[in-house]
Structure formats: structure tokens, C-alpha cells
Protein backbone atom coordinates (compact mmCIF):
# COMPACT_ATOMS: atom_id res chain seq x y z
CA UNK A 1 119.30 91.27 -12.01
CA UNK A 2 118.21 87.66 -12.16
CA UNK A 3 116.55 86.10 -9.19
CA UNK A 4 116.90 82.48 -8.34
CA UNK A 5 114.34 80.46 -6.52
CA UNK A 6 115.20 77.52 -4.38
CA UNK A 7 113.60 74.22 -5.26
CA UNK A 8 111.39 72.76 -2.62
CA UNK A 9 111.14 69.05 -2.05
CA UNK A 10 107.47 69.23 -3.03
CA UNK A 11 108.45 70.71 -6.43
CA UNK A 12 110.88 67.87 -7.04
CA UNK A 13 108.35 65.30 -5.83
CA UNK A 14 105.71 66.73 -8.17
CA UNK A 15 108.20 66.62 -11.03
CA UNK A 16 108.96 62.97 -10.22
CA UNK A 17 105.24 62.12 -10.33
CA UNK A 18 104.85 63.85 -13.70
CA UNK A 19 107.94 62.06 -15.04
CA UNK A 20 106.57 58.70 -13.90
CA UNK A 21 103.26 59.42 -15.64
CA UNK A 22 105.09 60.44 -18.81
CA UNK A 23 107.26 57.34 -18.63
CA UNK A 24 104.25 55.01 -18.32
CA UNK A 25 102.59 56.70 -21.28
CA UNK A 26 105.72 56.42 -23.43
CA UNK A 27 106.18 52.75 -22.50
CA UNK A 28 102.54 52.01 -23.38
CA UNK A 29 102.86 53.72 -26.74
CA UNK A 30 106.16 51.96 -27.51
CA UNK A 31 104.58 48.59 -26.72
CA UNK A 32 101.87 48.96 -29.37
CA UNK A 33 104.11 50.80 -31.84
CA UNK A 34 106.71 48.01 -31.66
CA UNK A 35 104.08 45.28 -31.99
CA UNK A 36 102.52 46.99 -35.00
CA UNK A 37 105.95 47.36 -36.62
CA UNK A 38 106.52 43.64 -36.05
CA UNK A 39 103.19 42.84 -37.74
CA UNK A 40 104.12 45.01 -40.74
CA UNK A 41 107.52 43.32 -41.04
CA UNK A 42 105.95 39.86 -40.74
CA UNK A 43 107.65 39.06 -37.43
CA UNK A 44 104.45 39.01 -35.33
CA UNK A 45 101.41 36.80 -35.84
CA UNK A 46 97.98 38.19 -36.67
CA UNK A 47 94.53 36.66 -36.90
CA UNK A 48 93.72 38.70 -40.01
CA UNK A 49 95.23 38.30 -43.47
CA UNK A 50 98.71 39.87 -43.48
CA UNK A 51 97.92 42.31 -46.34
CA UNK A 52 94.86 43.58 -44.46
CA UNK A 53 96.80 43.92 -41.20
CA UNK A 54 99.58 45.86 -42.90
CA UNK A 55 97.05 48.17 -44.57
CA UNK A 56 95.20 48.85 -41.32
CA UNK A 57 98.40 49.63 -39.44
CA UNK A 58 99.89 51.75 -42.24
CA UNK A 59 96.77 53.85 -42.71
CA UNK A 60 96.10 54.05 -38.97
CA UNK A 61 99.49 55.47 -38.07
CA UNK A 62 99.25 59.17 -37.27
CA UNK A 63 102.50 60.68 -38.52
CA UNK A 64 101.56 64.17 -37.41
CA UNK A 65 101.07 62.91 -33.83
CA UNK A 66 104.44 61.14 -33.99
CA UNK A 67 106.04 64.34 -35.30
CA UNK A 68 104.62 66.32 -32.35
CA UNK A 69 105.79 63.65 -29.92
CA UNK A 70 109.29 63.58 -31.45
CA UNK A 71 109.62 67.38 -31.23
CA UNK A 72 108.37 67.45 -27.64
CA UNK A 73 110.74 64.68 -26.59
CA UNK A 74 113.61 66.40 -28.38
CA UNK A 75 112.96 69.63 -26.45
CA UNK A 76 112.78 67.79 -23.14
CA UNK A 77 115.82 65.59 -23.76
CA UNK A 78 117.98 68.43 -25.04
CA UNK A 79 117.29 70.27 -21.77
CA UNK A 80 117.90 67.38 -19.38
CA UNK A 81 120.74 65.73 -21.35
CA UNK A 82 122.84 68.57 -22.71
CA UNK A 83 125.72 67.37 -24.81
CA UNK A 84 124.07 64.05 -25.74
CA UNK A 85 123.67 63.66 -29.48
CA UNK A 86 119.98 63.11 -30.14
CA UNK A 87 118.45 61.73 -33.34
CA UNK A 88 116.88 64.09 -35.85
CA UNK A 89 113.31 64.73 -34.63
CA UNK A 90 111.94 65.28 -38.16
CA UNK A 91 109.74 62.26 -38.93
CA UNK A 92 109.83 62.98 -42.68
CA UNK A 93 113.62 62.48 -42.57
CA UNK A 94 113.77 59.91 -39.75
CA UNK A 95 110.48 57.92 -39.56
CA UNK A 96 111.51 56.27 -36.30
CA UNK A 97 112.49 59.54 -34.58
CA UNK A 98 109.72 59.38 -31.96
CA UNK A 99 110.56 55.76 -31.17
CA UNK A 100 114.29 56.51 -30.82
CA UNK A 101 113.68 59.57 -28.63
CA UNK A 102 111.17 57.69 -26.45
CA UNK A 103 113.71 54.91 -25.90
CA UNK A 104 116.33 57.48 -24.91
CA UNK A 105 113.86 59.03 -22.46
CA UNK A 106 113.13 55.60 -20.97
CA UNK A 107 116.52 53.87 -21.11
CA UNK A 108 119.12 56.60 -21.52
CA UNK A 109 121.26 57.46 -24.56
CA UNK A 110 123.31 54.22 -24.68
CA UNK A 111 123.88 51.46 -22.15
CA UNK A 112 127.57 52.34 -21.80
CA UNK A 113 127.04 56.08 -21.43
CA UNK A 114 127.54 57.62 -18.00
CA UNK A 115 124.36 59.65 -18.61
CA UNK A 116 122.39 56.41 -18.86
CA UNK A 117 120.97 55.42 -15.51
CA UNK A 118 118.68 52.63 -16.79
CA UNK A 119 115.49 54.66 -17.17
CA UNK A 120 114.91 58.19 -16.00
CA UNK A 121 117.94 59.39 -14.11
CA UNK A 122 117.56 60.33 -10.46
CA UNK A 123 118.46 63.97 -11.17
CA UNK A 124 115.82 64.56 -13.87
CA UNK A 125 113.07 65.69 -11.44
CA UNK A 126 115.29 68.43 -10.02
CA UNK A 127 116.22 69.68 -13.50
CA UNK A 128 112.62 69.56 -14.67
CA UNK A 129 111.30 71.38 -11.61
CA UNK A 130 114.14 73.90 -11.76
CA UNK A 131 113.81 74.60 -15.49
CA UNK A 132 110.00 74.67 -15.27
CA UNK A 133 109.70 71.82 -17.78
CA UNK A 134 106.70 70.32 -15.98
CA UNK A 135 104.45 71.51 -18.80
CA UNK A 136 106.61 69.75 -21.38
CA UNK A 137 106.40 66.43 -19.50
CA UNK A 138 102.62 66.77 -19.31
CA UNK A 139 102.41 67.56 -23.01
CA UNK A 140 104.64 64.57 -23.85
CA UNK A 141 102.41 62.34 -21.69
CA UNK A 142 99.27 63.55 -23.44
CA UNK A 143 100.80 63.11 -26.88
CA UNK A 144 102.03 59.62 -26.00
CA UNK A 145 98.59 58.65 -24.66
CA UNK A 146 96.93 59.83 -27.87
CA UNK A 147 99.45 58.02 -30.07
CA UNK A 148 99.18 54.88 -27.89
CA UNK A 149 95.43 54.71 -28.30
CA UNK A 150 95.69 55.02 -32.09
CA UNK A 151 98.35 52.31 -32.25
CA UNK A 152 96.32 50.10 -29.89
CA UNK A 153 93.21 50.40 -32.04
CA UNK A 154 95.20 49.65 -35.19
CA UNK A 155 96.70 46.62 -33.44
CA UNK A 156 93.22 45.35 -32.52
CA UNK A 157 91.90 45.94 -36.06
CA UNK A 158 94.92 44.16 -37.53
CA UNK A 159 94.24 41.13 -35.36
CA UNK A 160 97.51 41.28 -33.45
CA UNK A 161 95.97 42.42 -30.15
CA UNK A 162 92.86 41.53 -28.18
CA UNK A 163 90.50 44.11 -26.80
CA UNK A 164 90.64 42.90 -23.20
CA UNK A 165 88.61 45.90 -22.08
CA UNK A 166 85.60 44.62 -24.02
CA UNK A 167 85.88 41.13 -22.53
CA UNK A 168 86.29 42.50 -19.02
CA UNK A 169 83.14 44.60 -19.44
CA UNK A 170 81.23 41.66 -20.92
CA UNK A 171 82.35 39.46 -18.02
CA UNK A 172 81.27 42.11 -15.51
CA UNK A 173 77.83 42.38 -17.09
CA UNK A 174 77.49 38.58 -17.14
CA UNK A 175 78.45 38.42 -13.45
CA UNK A 176 75.85 41.08 -12.56
CA UNK A 177 73.15 39.24 -14.52
CA UNK A 178 74.09 35.97 -12.77
CA UNK A 179 73.88 37.55 -9.32
CA UNK A 180 70.60 39.31 -10.13
CA UNK A 181 69.18 36.09 -11.56
CA UNK A 182 70.03 34.20 -8.38
CA UNK A 183 68.66 36.97 -6.14
CA UNK A 184 65.13 36.72 -7.49
CA UNK A 185 65.16 37.98 -11.04
CA UNK A 186 64.43 34.44 -12.26
CA UNK A 187 61.20 34.31 -10.25
CA UNK A 188 60.08 37.72 -11.53
CA UNK A 189 60.74 36.71 -15.11
CA UNK A 190 58.80 33.45 -14.64
CA UNK A 191 55.83 35.37 -13.13
CA UNK A 192 55.88 37.89 -15.98
CA UNK A 193 55.90 35.11 -18.57
CA UNK A 194 52.95 33.31 -16.92
CA UNK A 195 50.86 36.47 -16.78
């Protein structure tokens, strides 16, 4: 005898939050993955020699992480979009499987499809909360974050991206030194040098 549990609004709200986190992670990964692919194809500029940039990106790509991400997305999408034909999740057969599945998760199967709602459909949170797929969305988010960071670092090494985090930290340190200098550090330094 199977028991059914009613979904509470808090379950659906929690599922929506997890879906939004997963979606941001997938979009971030796709951004760097697409840029790196453009560098490899010669469509995007780079500050490094093209051969070096291509080598860095090619060797930096983690195919096992993309395989995990493709399988996780396939499981999630096959549950929330039954009947939609999904691409083969095997990266050895379809190298762009993770990219294709991530785009489906973000944009829907095709623009003309009734299942496509222009991003995550409004009914996904209820399905995810009801089917207890919250863990899968969290795993997809974690995998996408890991893959995004690897693609981002390869993009920086290839000279196609800038490490804004470094410059923000350097600017913050410079601002602190400036404030400290104007609040009396200059006088202390001058006294120490005279002594």
C-alpha cells in the first residue's frame, strides 16, 4: 500500500531556490565553456599565442567532470521532461552532451516546443519536490561549479579572460593602504626612518 504525501508550499519554495542555484551554476559554466570553445575555434580573441591558448584549454578541460555533469543532467531532465528526446549523455560519443543538456535545462528542449517555457518551467519545483530530486539538483549545481572553475582558470591562462577577482583584491588592499597612510601611518613611517 503506497502512501502519498502532500507537498507543502515550503517544499516547493525550497525546490525553487535549489533550482535557481543550479541554474546560476549551469549558466556560469556555459559562459566559460562557450568562450573557451570560441578561443579554440579561433572565433574569440586571446592575449596569448593561439597555439598556446588552444593547448591550455584542451588540456585543462576535465572530460570526466563533464561526463558526470551530463549524466546528472540527463537523470534530472528525463524525470522533469518525460517524453522529450534528450541527447546522448555519453561524452565519448557526444563531446558536447553536457553543453546540450545544460542548454535544455536552462532554455527548454526547443523554442517551439510546448514544454519550453524560456528557462526553467514554473512546474519544475513541484515535480522536483514531489519526486525528491532535490539531491540531484544540488549535485548538478556542485558539478557545474567545479566544471565552471576549471573552465574559468583555463580561460584566464589562455588569455581570453581577466582575473577580475585579483584586481578587486589588489584595489581593496591599495585603498586600505591609502586610508591608513592618510590616518597617520605616514608619520609613523617617517619617525621610524629618522630613528
